[in-house]
Amino acid sequence: MSKFYELLQKVKKRPSLYLGKRSLSHLQVFLDAYTFARREIGIEPTEQEQDFEEFQEWIEQRFNQVNTQSWSRIILFYSEDESDALDKFFELFEEFSQRHQSLEANQIAHVKSGV
């Protein structure tokens, strides 16, 4: 089974194959169905899936839209259309992922330096 973030990269490369068309709303439904199916068969959330759960809060803070809409609706609001919103999702997701990698690198550096 592919890791969750690897699955997102596959969708990014060939969105029409996985989503039917280039659409952020279709991605949201795809991810909801993926999560639902895994829970229905008793598969616990992976570390990456748990990490992605923080994406909602990160998007809310990024757009100063706390507790208003889902991450997909917030991104769509600031996009020209569904296709543009999908592109923005992947840009934002990359930023979100890099942010976590930077935090982990800083934590490792602090541990090594004894701070």
PDB file of N, CA and C in Angstrom:
ATOM      1  N   MET A   1       0.850  -1.190   0.000  1.00  0.00           N
ATOM      2  CA  MET A   1       0.000   0.000   0.000  1.00  0.00           C
ATOM      3  C   MET A   1       0.886   1.240   0.000  1.00  0.00           C
ATOM      4  N   SER A   2       0.561   2.173  -0.846  1.00  0.00           N
ATOM      5  CA  SER A   2       1.322   3.416  -0.939  1.00  0.00           C
ATOM      6  C   SER A   2       1.156   4.239   0.331  1.00  0.00           C
ATOM      7  N   LYS A   3       2.174   4.989   0.645  1.00  0.00           N
ATOM      8  CA  LYS A   3       2.066   5.932   1.740  1.00  0.00           C
ATOM      9  C   LYS A   3       1.140   7.064   1.294  1.00  0.00           C
ATOM     10  N   PHE A   4       0.518   7.687   2.253  1.00  0.00           N
ATOM     11  CA  PHE A   4      -0.476   8.721   1.963  1.00  0.00           C
ATOM     12  C   PHE A   4       0.103   9.852   1.118  1.00  0.00           C
ATOM     13  N   TYR A   5       1.275  10.364   1.482  1.00  0.00           N
ATOM     14  CA  TYR A   5       1.854  11.475   0.734  1.00  0.00           C
ATOM     15  C   TYR A   5       2.306  11.036  -0.649  1.00  0.00           C
ATOM     16  N   GLU A   6       2.703   9.780  -0.797  1.00  0.00           N
ATOM     17  CA  GLU A   6       3.029   9.262  -2.123  1.00  0.00           C
ATOM     18  C   GLU A   6       1.766   9.205  -2.986  1.00  0.00           C
ATOM     19  N   LEU A   7       0.649   8.851  -2.387  1.00  0.00           N
ATOM     20  CA  LEU A   7      -0.615   8.841  -3.106  1.00  0.00           C
ATOM     21  C   LEU A   7      -0.954  10.247  -3.604  1.00  0.00           C
ATOM     22  N   LEU A   8      -0.754  11.246  -2.761  1.00  0.00           N
ATOM     23  CA  LEU A   8      -1.014  12.627  -3.175  1.00  0.00           C
ATOM     24  C   LEU A   8      -0.118  13.023  -4.356  1.00  0.00           C
ATOM     25  N   GLN A   9       1.125  12.566  -4.352  1.00  0.00           N
ATOM     26  CA  GLN A   9       2.023  12.865  -5.472  1.00  0.00           C
ATOM     27  C   GLN A   9       1.553  12.192  -6.758  1.00  0.00           C
ATOM     28  N   LYS A  10       1.009  10.989  -6.637  1.00  0.00           N
ATOM     29  CA  LYS A  10       0.459  10.310  -7.811  1.00  0.00           C
ATOM     30  C   LYS A  10      -0.734  11.088  -8.366  1.00  0.00           C
ATOM     31  N   VAL A  11      -1.579  11.568  -7.477  1.00  0.00           N
ATOM     32  CA  VAL A  11      -2.733  12.367  -7.901  1.00  0.00           C
ATOM     33  C   VAL A  11      -2.254  13.654  -8.569  1.00  0.00           C
ATOM     34  N   LYS A  12      -1.230  14.273  -8.021  1.00  0.00           N
ATOM     35  CA  LYS A  12      -0.690  15.512  -8.588  1.00  0.00           C
ATOM     36  C   LYS A  12      -0.211  15.281 -10.020  1.00  0.00           C
ATOM     37  N   LYS A  13       0.449  14.159 -10.257  1.00  0.00           N
ATOM     38  CA  LYS A  13       0.990  13.871 -11.591  1.00  0.00           C
ATOM     39  C   LYS A  13      -0.107  13.554 -12.604  1.00  0.00           C
ATOM     40  N   ARG A  14      -1.161  12.875 -12.170  1.00  0.00           N
ATOM     41  CA  ARG A  14      -2.224  12.456 -13.088  1.00  0.00           C
ATOM     42  C   ARG A  14      -3.594  12.648 -12.445  1.00  0.00           C
ATOM     43  N   PRO A  15      -3.992  13.895 -12.200  1.00  0.00           N
ATOM     44  CA  PRO A  15      -5.241  14.145 -11.479  1.00  0.00           C
ATOM     45  C   PRO A  15      -6.484  13.575 -12.159  1.00  0.00           C
ATOM     46  N   SER A  16      -6.553  13.631 -13.466  1.00  0.00           N
ATOM     47  CA  SER A  16      -7.751  13.124 -14.155  1.00  0.00           C
ATOM     48  C   SER A  16      -7.909  11.619 -13.966  1.00  0.00           C
ATOM     49  N   LEU A  17      -6.810  10.910 -13.881  1.00  0.00           N
ATOM     50  CA  LEU A  17      -6.868   9.469 -13.674  1.00  0.00           C
ATOM     51  C   LEU A  17      -7.503   9.129 -12.325  1.00  0.00           C
ATOM     52  N   TYR A  18      -7.132   9.861 -11.293  1.00  0.00           N
ATOM     53  CA  TYR A  18      -7.601   9.564  -9.941  1.00  0.00           C
ATOM     54  C   TYR A  18      -8.909  10.287  -9.583  1.00  0.00           C
ATOM     55  N   LEU A  19      -9.111  11.467 -10.159  1.00  0.00           N
ATOM     56  CA  LEU A  19     -10.237  12.311  -9.741  1.00  0.00           C
ATOM     57  C   LEU A  19     -11.351  12.433 -10.773  1.00  0.00           C
ATOM     58  N   GLY A  20     -11.108  11.984 -11.987  1.00  0.00           N
ATOM     59  CA  GLY A  20     -12.088  12.143 -13.057  1.00  0.00           C
ATOM     60  C   GLY A  20     -11.873  13.419 -13.836  1.00  0.00           C
ATOM     61  N   LYS A  21     -11.511  14.499 -13.136  1.00  0.00           N
ATOM     62  CA  LYS A  21     -11.135  15.765 -13.769  1.00  0.00           C
ATOM     63  C   LYS A  21     -10.316  16.570 -12.782  1.00  0.00           C
ATOM     64  N   ARG A  22      -9.655  17.606 -13.285  1.00  0.00           N
ATOM     65  CA  ARG A  22      -8.821  18.459 -12.437  1.00  0.00           C
ATOM     66  C   ARG A  22      -9.724  19.325 -11.561  1.00  0.00           C
ATOM     67  N   SER A  23      -9.956  18.881 -10.353  1.00  0.00           N
ATOM     68  CA  SER A  23     -10.902  19.567  -9.485  1.00  0.00           C
ATOM     69  C   SER A  23     -10.520  19.375  -8.025  1.00  0.00           C
ATOM     70  N   LEU A  24     -10.435  20.479  -7.298  1.00  0.00           N
ATOM     71  CA  LEU A  24     -10.132  20.391  -5.870  1.00  0.00           C
ATOM     72  C   LEU A  24     -11.271  19.704  -5.118  1.00  0.00           C
ATOM     73  N   SER A  25     -12.499  19.979  -5.517  1.00  0.00           N
ATOM     74  CA  SER A  25     -13.637  19.323  -4.865  1.00  0.00           C
ATOM     75  C   SER A  25     -13.584  17.815  -5.066  1.00  0.00           C
ATOM     76  N   HIS A  26     -13.159  17.389  -6.247  1.00  0.00           N
ATOM     77  CA  HIS A  26     -13.015  15.954  -6.499  1.00  0.00           C
ATOM     78  C   HIS A  26     -11.902  15.367  -5.632  1.00  0.00           C
ATOM     79  N   LEU A  27     -10.827  16.132  -5.429  1.00  0.00           N
ATOM     80  CA  LEU A  27      -9.761  15.666  -4.541  1.00  0.00           C
ATOM     81  C   LEU A  27     -10.291  15.510  -3.120  1.00  0.00           C
ATOM     82  N   GLN A  28     -11.059  16.466  -2.652  1.00  0.00           N
ATOM     83  CA  GLN A  28     -11.623  16.389  -1.299  1.00  0.00           C
ATOM     84  C   GLN A  28     -12.470  15.126  -1.150  1.00  0.00           C
ATOM     85  N   VAL A  29     -13.314  14.849  -2.122  1.00  0.00           N
ATOM     86  CA  VAL A  29     -14.159  13.653  -2.080  1.00  0.00           C
ATOM     87  C   VAL A  29     -13.290  12.395  -2.135  1.00  0.00           C
ATOM     88  N   PHE A  30     -12.276  12.400  -2.994  1.00  0.00           N
ATOM     89  CA  PHE A  30     -11.359  11.266  -3.112  1.00  0.00           C
ATOM     90  C   PHE A  30     -10.692  10.972  -1.767  1.00  0.00           C
ATOM     91  N   LEU A  31     -10.184  12.008  -1.113  1.00  0.00           N
ATOM     92  CA  LEU A  31      -9.505  11.814   0.175  1.00  0.00           C
ATOM     93  C   LEU A  31     -10.481  11.390   1.270  1.00  0.00           C
ATOM     94  N   ASP A  32     -11.686  11.944   1.249  1.00  0.00           N
ATOM     95  CA  ASP A  32     -12.694  11.528   2.225  1.00  0.00           C
ATOM     96  C   ASP A  32     -13.045  10.055   2.036  1.00  0.00           C
ATOM     97  N   ALA A  33     -13.203   9.629   0.782  1.00  0.00           N
ATOM     98  CA  ALA A  33     -13.528   8.231   0.488  1.00  0.00           C
ATOM     99  C   ALA A  33     -12.373   7.315   0.886  1.00  0.00           C
ATOM    100  N   TYR A  34     -11.151   7.740   0.608  1.00  0.00           N
ATOM    101  CA  TYR A  34      -9.956   6.979   0.987  1.00  0.00           C
ATOM    102  C   TYR A  34      -9.927   6.764   2.502  1.00  0.00           C
ATOM    103  N   THR A  35     -10.131   7.842   3.238  1.00  0.00           N
ATOM    104  CA  THR A  35     -10.117   7.770   4.702  1.00  0.00           C
ATOM    105  C   THR A  35     -11.258   6.896   5.217  1.00  0.00           C
ATOM    106  N   PHE A  36     -12.439   7.094   4.675  1.00  0.00           N
ATOM    107  CA  PHE A  36     -13.603   6.316   5.092  1.00  0.00           C
ATOM    108  C   PHE A  36     -13.375   4.818   4.849  1.00  0.00           C
ATOM    109  N   ALA A  37     -12.889   4.479   3.667  1.00  0.00           N
ATOM    110  CA  ALA A  37     -12.676   3.067   3.328  1.00  0.00           C
ATOM    111  C   ALA A  37     -11.662   2.422   4.270  1.00  0.00           C
ATOM    112  N   ARG A  38     -10.579   3.116   4.559  1.00  0.00           N
ATOM    113  CA  ARG A  38      -9.560   2.562   5.463  1.00  0.00           C
ATOM    114  C   ARG A  38     -10.125   2.367   6.872  1.00  0.00           C
ATOM    115  N   ARG A  39     -10.930   3.290   7.335  1.00  0.00           N
ATOM    116  CA  ARG A  39     -11.502   3.162   8.690  1.00  0.00           C
ATOM    117  C   ARG A  39     -12.537   2.037   8.734  1.00  0.00           C
ATOM    118  N   GLU A  40     -13.304   1.896   7.663  1.00  0.00           N
ATOM    119  CA  GLU A  40     -14.322   0.843   7.601  1.00  0.00           C
ATOM    120  C   GLU A  40     -13.718  -0.555   7.694  1.00  0.00           C
ATOM    121  N   ILE A  41     -12.525  -0.724   7.154  1.00  0.00           N
ATOM    122  CA  ILE A  41     -11.904  -2.054   7.215  1.00  0.00           C
ATOM    123  C   ILE A  41     -10.934  -2.174   8.391  1.00  0.00           C
ATOM    124  N   GLY A  42     -10.951  -1.165   9.258  1.00  0.00           N
ATOM    125  CA  GLY A  42     -10.222  -1.254  10.515  1.00  0.00           C
ATOM    126  C   GLY A  42      -8.752  -0.881  10.458  1.00  0.00           C
ATOM    127  N   ILE A  43      -8.335  -0.143   9.439  1.00  0.00           N
ATOM    128  CA  ILE A  43      -6.938   0.284   9.342  1.00  0.00           C
ATOM    129  C   ILE A  43      -6.770   1.596  10.103  1.00  0.00           C
ATOM    130  N   GLU A  44      -5.859   1.579  11.038  1.00  0.00           N
ATOM    131  CA  GLU A  44      -5.592   2.778  11.844  1.00  0.00           C
ATOM    132  C   GLU A  44      -4.908   3.842  10.985  1.00  0.00           C
ATOM    133  N   PRO A  45      -5.113   5.117  11.321  1.00  0.00           N
ATOM    134  CA  PRO A  45      -4.455   6.189  10.561  1.00  0.00           C
ATOM    135  C   PRO A  45      -2.930   6.073  10.642  1.00  0.00           C
ATOM    136  N   THR A  46      -2.279   6.299   9.515  1.00  0.00           N
ATOM    137  CA  THR A  46      -0.821   6.275   9.487  1.00  0.00           C
ATOM    138  C   THR A  46      -0.295   7.598  10.044  1.00  0.00           C
ATOM    139  N   GLU A  47       0.986   7.669  10.236  1.00  0.00           N
ATOM    140  CA  GLU A  47       1.608   8.898  10.721  1.00  0.00           C
ATOM    141  C   GLU A  47       1.375  10.041   9.729  1.00  0.00           C
ATOM    142  N   GLN A  48       1.470   9.738   8.434  1.00  0.00           N
ATOM    143  CA  GLN A  48       1.240  10.774   7.425  1.00  0.00           C
ATOM    144  C   GLN A  48      -0.215  11.230   7.418  1.00  0.00           C
ATOM    145  N   GLU A  49      -1.141  10.313   7.573  1.00  0.00           N
ATOM    146  CA  GLU A  49      -2.559  10.686   7.619  1.00  0.00           C
ATOM    147  C   GLU A  49      -2.843  11.549   8.840  1.00  0.00           C
ATOM    148  N   GLN A  50      -2.234  11.211   9.967  1.00  0.00           N
ATOM    149  CA  GLN A  50      -2.409  12.016  11.169  1.00  0.00           C
ATOM    150  C   GLN A  50      -1.796  13.398  10.982  1.00  0.00           C
ATOM    151  N   ASP A  51      -0.645  13.453  10.321  1.00  0.00           N
ATOM    152  CA  ASP A  51      -0.011  14.732  10.034  1.00  0.00           C
ATOM    153  C   ASP A  51      -0.904  15.592   9.141  1.00  0.00           C
ATOM    154  N   PHE A  52      -1.515  14.969   8.132  1.00  0.00           N
ATOM    155  CA  PHE A  52      -2.374  15.708   7.203  1.00  0.00           C
ATOM    156  C   PHE A  52      -3.597  16.286   7.907  1.00  0.00           C
ATOM    157  N   GLU A  53      -4.015  15.684   9.003  1.00  0.00           N
ATOM    158  CA  GLU A  53      -5.146  16.219   9.753  1.00  0.00           C
ATOM    159  C   GLU A  53      -4.856  17.640  10.248  1.00  0.00           C
ATOM    160  N   GLU A  54      -3.586  18.004  10.379  1.00  0.00           N
ATOM    161  CA  GLU A  54      -3.204  19.351  10.800  1.00  0.00           C
ATOM    162  C   GLU A  54      -3.297  20.362   9.655  1.00  0.00           C
ATOM    163  N   PHE A  55      -3.452  19.872   8.431  1.00  0.00           N
ATOM    164  CA  PHE A  55      -3.526  20.746   7.267  1.00  0.00           C
ATOM    165  C   PHE A  55      -4.706  21.712   7.370  1.00  0.00           C
ATOM    166  N   GLN A  56      -5.829  21.247   7.898  1.00  0.00           N
ATOM    167  CA  GLN A  56      -7.010  22.109   8.058  1.00  0.00           C
ATOM    168  C   GLN A  56      -6.672  23.334   8.896  1.00  0.00           C
ATOM    169  N   GLU A  57      -6.089  23.116  10.054  1.00  0.00           N
ATOM    170  CA  GLU A  57      -5.745  24.229  10.937  1.00  0.00           C
ATOM    171  C   GLU A  57      -4.696  25.136  10.293  1.00  0.00           C
ATOM    172  N   TRP A  58      -3.733  24.539   9.597  1.00  0.00           N
ATOM    173  CA  TRP A  58      -2.686  25.305   8.934  1.00  0.00           C
ATOM    174  C   TRP A  58      -3.288  26.216   7.857  1.00  0.00           C
ATOM    175  N   ILE A  59      -4.226  25.685   7.075  1.00  0.00           N
ATOM    176  CA  ILE A  59      -4.894  26.485   6.034  1.00  0.00           C
ATOM    177  C   ILE A  59      -5.706  27.615   6.676  1.00  0.00           C
ATOM    178  N   GLU A  60      -6.419  27.306   7.752  1.00  0.00           N
ATOM    179  CA  GLU A  60      -7.196  28.336   8.443  1.00  0.00           C
ATOM    180  C   GLU A  60      -6.293  29.484   8.888  1.00  0.00           C
ATOM    181  N   GLN A  61      -5.149  29.152   9.461  1.00  0.00           N
ATOM    182  CA  GLN A  61      -4.216  30.184   9.910  1.00  0.00           C
ATOM    183  C   GLN A  61      -3.590  30.910   8.728  1.00  0.00           C
ATOM    184  N   ARG A  62      -3.244  30.181   7.705  1.00  0.00           N
ATOM    185  CA  ARG A  62      -2.587  30.747   6.514  1.00  0.00           C
ATOM    186  C   ARG A  62      -3.463  31.801   5.847  1.00  0.00           C
ATOM    187  N   PHE A  63      -4.783  31.548   5.819  1.00  0.00           N
ATOM    188  CA  PHE A  63      -5.718  32.460   5.157  1.00  0.00           C
ATOM    189  C   PHE A  63      -6.529  33.290   6.160  1.00  0.00           C
ATOM    190  N   ASN A  64      -6.176  33.179   7.427  1.00  0.00           N
ATOM    191  CA  ASN A  64      -6.882  33.902   8.487  1.00  0.00           C
ATOM    192  C   ASN A  64      -8.386  33.646   8.406  1.00  0.00           C
ATOM    193  N   GLN A  65      -8.751  32.383   8.284  1.00  0.00           N
ATOM    194  CA  GLN A  65     -10.150  31.964   8.164  1.00  0.00           C
ATOM    195  C   GLN A  65     -10.466  30.903   9.227  1.00  0.00           C
ATOM    196  N   VAL A  66     -10.200  31.214  10.461  1.00  0.00           N
ATOM    197  CA  VAL A  66     -10.329  30.242  11.539  1.00  0.00           C
ATOM    198  C   VAL A  66     -11.764  29.755  11.685  1.00  0.00           C
ATOM    199  N   ASN A  67     -11.921  28.432  11.707  1.00  0.00           N
ATOM    200  CA  ASN A  67     -13.202  27.757  11.945  1.00  0.00           C
ATOM    201  C   ASN A  67     -14.338  28.218  11.028  1.00  0.00           C
ATOM    202  N   THR A  68     -14.035  28.401   9.760  1.00  0.00           N
ATOM    203  CA  THR A  68     -15.073  28.854   8.852  1.00  0.00           C
ATOM    204  C   THR A  68     -15.537  27.761   7.898  1.00  0.00           C
ATOM    205  N   GLN A  69     -14.606  27.205   7.139  1.00  0.00           N
ATOM    206  CA  GLN A  69     -14.927  26.226   6.103  1.00  0.00           C
ATOM    207  C   GLN A  69     -13.850  25.152   6.081  1.00  0.00           C
ATOM    208  N   SER A  70     -14.080  24.123   5.270  1.00  0.00           N
ATOM    209  CA  SER A  70     -13.058  23.099   5.087  1.00  0.00           C
ATOM    210  C   SER A  70     -11.883  23.689   4.311  1.00  0.00           C
ATOM    211  N   TRP A  71     -10.737  23.030   4.400  1.00  0.00           N
ATOM    212  CA  TRP A  71      -9.550  23.510   3.688  1.00  0.00           C
ATOM    213  C   TRP A  71      -9.828  23.644   2.195  1.00  0.00           C
ATOM    214  N   SER A  72     -10.608  22.726   1.643  1.00  0.00           N
ATOM    215  CA  SER A  72     -10.868  22.786   0.205  1.00  0.00           C
ATOM    216  C   SER A  72     -11.718  24.010  -0.159  1.00  0.00           C
ATOM    217  N   ARG A  73     -12.690  24.332   0.666  1.00  0.00           N
ATOM    218  CA  ARG A  73     -13.542  25.505   0.386  1.00  0.00           C
ATOM    219  C   ARG A  73     -12.755  26.804   0.529  1.00  0.00           C
ATOM    220  N   ILE A  74     -11.853  26.858   1.501  1.00  0.00           N
ATOM    221  CA  ILE A  74     -11.021  28.055   1.684  1.00  0.00           C
ATOM    222  C   ILE A  74     -10.122  28.255   0.471  1.00  0.00           C
ATOM    223  N   ILE A  75      -9.458  27.192   0.038  1.00  0.00           N
ATOM    224  CA  ILE A  75      -8.574  27.293  -1.129  1.00  0.00           C
ATOM    225  C   ILE A  75      -9.384  27.663  -2.369  1.00  0.00           C
ATOM    226  N   LEU A  76     -10.536  27.042  -2.545  1.00  0.00           N
ATOM    227  CA  LEU A  76     -11.375  27.329  -3.705  1.00  0.00           C
ATOM    228  C   LEU A  76     -11.825  28.783  -3.723  1.00  0.00           C
ATOM    229  N   PHE A  77     -12.124  29.335  -2.562  1.00  0.00           N
ATOM    230  CA  PHE A  77     -12.548  30.727  -2.467  1.00  0.00           C
ATOM    231  C   PHE A  77     -11.484  31.682  -3.026  1.00  0.00           C
ATOM    232  N   TYR A  78     -10.213  31.349  -2.799  1.00  0.00           N
ATOM    233  CA  TYR A  78      -9.107  32.199  -3.242  1.00  0.00           C
ATOM    234  C   TYR A  78      -8.541  31.770  -4.599  1.00  0.00           C
ATOM    235  N   SER A  79      -9.304  30.997  -5.351  1.00  0.00           N
ATOM    236  CA  SER A  79      -8.851  30.501  -6.651  1.00  0.00           C
ATOM    237  C   SER A  79      -9.800  30.934  -7.757  1.00  0.00           C
ATOM    238  N   GLU A  80      -9.321  30.857  -8.987  1.00  0.00           N
ATOM    239  CA  GLU A  80     -10.143  31.223 -10.136  1.00  0.00           C
ATOM    240  C   GLU A  80     -11.212  30.184 -10.425  1.00  0.00           C
ATOM    241  N   ASP A  81     -10.842  28.908 -10.309  1.00  0.00           N
ATOM    242  CA  ASP A  81     -11.770  27.814 -10.599  1.00  0.00           C
ATOM    243  C   ASP A  81     -11.245  26.540  -9.936  1.00  0.00           C
ATOM    244  N   GLU A  82     -11.932  25.436 -10.168  1.00  0.00           N
ATOM    245  CA  GLU A  82     -11.570  24.164  -9.546  1.00  0.00           C
ATOM    246  C   GLU A  82     -10.156  23.693  -9.926  1.00  0.00           C
ATOM    247  N   SER A  83      -9.804  23.880 -11.194  1.00  0.00           N
ATOM    248  CA  SER A  83      -8.483  23.460 -11.663  1.00  0.00           C
ATOM    249  C   SER A  83      -7.383  24.296 -11.008  1.00  0.00           C
ATOM    250  N   ASP A  84      -7.578  25.598 -10.968  1.00  0.00           N
ATOM    251  CA  ASP A  84      -6.624  26.490 -10.312  1.00  0.00           C
ATOM    252  C   ASP A  84      -6.532  26.152  -8.825  1.00  0.00           C
ATOM    253  N   ALA A  85      -7.656  25.850  -8.213  1.00  0.00           N
ATOM    254  CA  ALA A  85      -7.677  25.492  -6.795  1.00  0.00           C
ATOM    255  C   ALA A  85      -6.869  24.220  -6.540  1.00  0.00           C
ATOM    256  N   LEU A  86      -6.958  23.261  -7.455  1.00  0.00           N
ATOM    257  CA  LEU A  86      -6.183  22.025  -7.315  1.00  0.00           C
ATOM    258  C   LEU A  86      -4.685  22.339  -7.371  1.00  0.00           C
ATOM    259  N   ASP A  87      -4.285  23.181  -8.307  1.00  0.00           N
ATOM    260  CA  ASP A  87      -2.878  23.590  -8.384  1.00  0.00           C
ATOM    261  C   ASP A  87      -2.442  24.281  -7.100  1.00  0.00           C
ATOM    262  N   LYS A  88      -3.283  25.168  -6.589  1.00  0.00           N
ATOM    263  CA  LYS A  88      -2.958  25.876  -5.348  1.00  0.00           C
ATOM    264  C   LYS A  88      -2.864  24.901  -4.172  1.00  0.00           C
ATOM    265  N   PHE A  89      -3.742  23.891  -4.150  1.00  0.00           N
ATOM    266  CA  PHE A  89      -3.663  22.897  -3.081  1.00  0.00           C
ATOM    267  C   PHE A  89      -2.275  22.279  -3.042  1.00  0.00           C
ATOM    268  N   PHE A  90      -1.783  21.845  -4.198  1.00  0.00           N
ATOM    269  CA  PHE A  90      -0.487  21.176  -4.220  1.00  0.00           C
ATOM    270  C   PHE A  90       0.644  22.125  -3.858  1.00  0.00           C
ATOM    271  N   GLU A  91       0.532  23.399  -4.225  1.00  0.00           N
ATOM    272  CA  GLU A  91       1.520  24.396  -3.805  1.00  0.00           C
ATOM    273  C   GLU A  91       1.482  24.567  -2.286  1.00  0.00           C
ATOM    274  N   LEU A  92       0.285  24.705  -1.757  1.00  0.00           N
ATOM    275  CA  LEU A  92       0.125  24.879  -0.311  1.00  0.00           C
ATOM    276  C   LEU A  92       0.534  23.622   0.449  1.00  0.00           C
ATOM    277  N   PHE A  93       0.194  22.471  -0.096  1.00  0.00           N
ATOM    278  CA  PHE A  93       0.578  21.225   0.557  1.00  0.00           C
ATOM    279  C   PHE A  93       2.100  21.100   0.616  1.00  0.00           C
ATOM    280  N   GLU A  94       2.767  21.499  -0.446  1.00  0.00           N
ATOM    281  CA  GLU A  94       4.240  21.472  -0.469  1.00  0.00           C
ATOM    282  C   GLU A  94       4.787  22.393   0.615  1.00  0.00           C
ATOM    283  N   GLU A  95       4.214  23.592   0.719  1.00  0.00           N
ATOM    284  CA  GLU A  95       4.625  24.541   1.762  1.00  0.00           C
ATOM    285  C   GLU A  95       4.374  23.957   3.151  1.00  0.00           C
ATOM    286  N   PHE A  96       3.219  23.348   3.330  1.00  0.00           N
ATOM    287  CA  PHE A  96       2.868  22.698   4.592  1.00  0.00           C
ATOM    288  C   PHE A  96       3.891  21.610   4.917  1.00  0.00           C
ATOM    289  N   SER A  97       4.223  20.784   3.948  1.00  0.00           N
ATOM    290  CA  SER A  97       5.180  19.690   4.146  1.00  0.00           C
ATOM    291  C   SER A  97       6.562  20.227   4.472  1.00  0.00           C
ATOM    292  N   GLN A  98       6.995  21.258   3.755  1.00  0.00           N
ATOM    293  CA  GLN A  98       8.305  21.851   3.999  1.00  0.00           C
ATOM    294  C   GLN A  98       8.385  22.468   5.388  1.00  0.00           C
ATOM    295  N   ARG A  99       7.293  23.044   5.811  1.00  0.00           N
ATOM    296  CA  ARG A  99       7.248  23.651   7.142  1.00  0.00           C
ATOM    297  C   ARG A  99       7.519  22.599   8.204  1.00  0.00           C
ATOM    298  N   HIS A 100       6.905  21.441   8.057  1.00  0.00           N
ATOM    299  CA  HIS A 100       7.120  20.360   9.011  1.00  0.00           C
ATOM    300  C   HIS A 100       8.544  19.840   8.946  1.00  0.00           C
ATOM    301  N   GLN A 101       9.112  19.754   7.764  1.00  0.00           N
ATOM    302  CA  GLN A 101      10.488  19.290   7.629  1.00  0.00           C
ATOM    303  C   GLN A 101      11.442  20.279   8.279  1.00  0.00           C
ATOM    304  N   SER A 102      11.160  21.573   8.141  1.00  0.00           N
ATOM    305  CA  SER A 102      11.995  22.598   8.757  1.00  0.00           C
ATOM    306  C   SER A 102      11.922  22.515  10.278  1.00  0.00           C
ATOM    307  N   LEU A 103      10.720  22.290  10.802  1.00  0.00           N
ATOM    308  CA  LEU A 103      10.564  22.154  12.255  1.00  0.00           C
ATOM    309  C   LEU A 103      11.333  20.949  12.775  1.00  0.00           C
ATOM    310  N   GLU A 104      11.264  19.829  12.061  1.00  0.00           N
ATOM    311  CA  GLU A 104      11.980  18.624  12.477  1.00  0.00           C
ATOM    312  C   GLU A 104      13.485  18.853  12.441  1.00  0.00           C
ATOM    313  N   ALA A 105      13.984  19.528  11.413  1.00  0.00           N
ATOM    314  CA  ALA A 105      15.413  19.819  11.301  1.00  0.00           C
ATOM    315  C   ALA A 105      15.866  20.712  12.452  1.00  0.00           C
ATOM    316  N   ASN A 106      15.044  21.704  12.812  1.00  0.00           N
ATOM    317  CA  ASN A 106      15.375  22.584  13.938  1.00  0.00           C
ATOM    318  C   ASN A 106      15.405  21.816  15.246  1.00  0.00           C
ATOM    319  N   GLN A 107      14.466  20.893  15.431  1.00  0.00           N
ATOM    320  CA  GLN A 107      14.435  20.089  16.654  1.00  0.00           C
ATOM    321  C   GLN A 107      15.669  19.206  16.751  1.00  0.00           C
ATOM    322  N   ILE A 108      16.073  18.603  15.656  1.00  0.00           N
ATOM    323  CA  ILE A 108      17.268  17.751  15.639  1.00  0.00           C
ATOM    324  C   ILE A 108      18.508  18.591  15.944  1.00  0.00           C
ATOM    325  N   ALA A 109      18.585  19.785  15.350  1.00  0.00           N
ATOM    326  CA  ALA A 109      19.727  20.669  15.592  1.00  0.00           C
ATOM    327  C   ALA A 109      19.815  21.062  17.061  1.00  0.00           C
ATOM    328  N   HIS A 110      18.672  21.326  17.697  1.00  0.00           N
ATOM    329  CA  HIS A 110      18.652  21.690  19.118  1.00  0.00           C
ATOM    330  C   HIS A 110      19.107  20.522  19.985  1.00  0.00           C
ATOM    331  N   VAL A 111      18.687  19.321  19.634  1.00  0.00           N
ATOM    332  CA  VAL A 111      19.088  18.139  20.394  1.00  0.00           C
ATOM    333  C   VAL A 111      20.588  17.924  20.276  1.00  0.00           C
ATOM    334  N   LYS A 112      21.122  18.053  19.066  1.00  0.00           N
ATOM    335  CA  LYS A 112      22.557  17.852  18.837  1.00  0.00           C
ATOM    336  C   LYS A 112      23.400  18.911  19.538  1.00  0.00           C
ATOM    337  N   SER A 113      22.874  20.135  19.608  1.00  0.00           N
ATOM    338  CA  SER A 113      23.648  21.209  20.232  1.00  0.00           C
ATOM    339  C   SER A 113      23.477  21.230  21.745  1.00  0.00           C
ATOM    340  N   GLY A 114      22.540  20.425  22.253  1.00  0.00           N
ATOM    341  CA  GLY A 114      22.335  20.351  23.685  1.00  0.00           C
ATOM    342  C   GLY A 114      21.487  21.465  24.236  1.00  0.00           C
ATOM    343  N   VAL A 115      20.769  22.174  23.358  1.00  0.00           N
ATOM    344  CA  VAL A 115      19.915  23.290  23.797  1.00  0.00           C
ATOM    345  C   VAL A 115      18.598  22.771  24.277  1.00  0.00           C
TER     346      VAL A 115
END
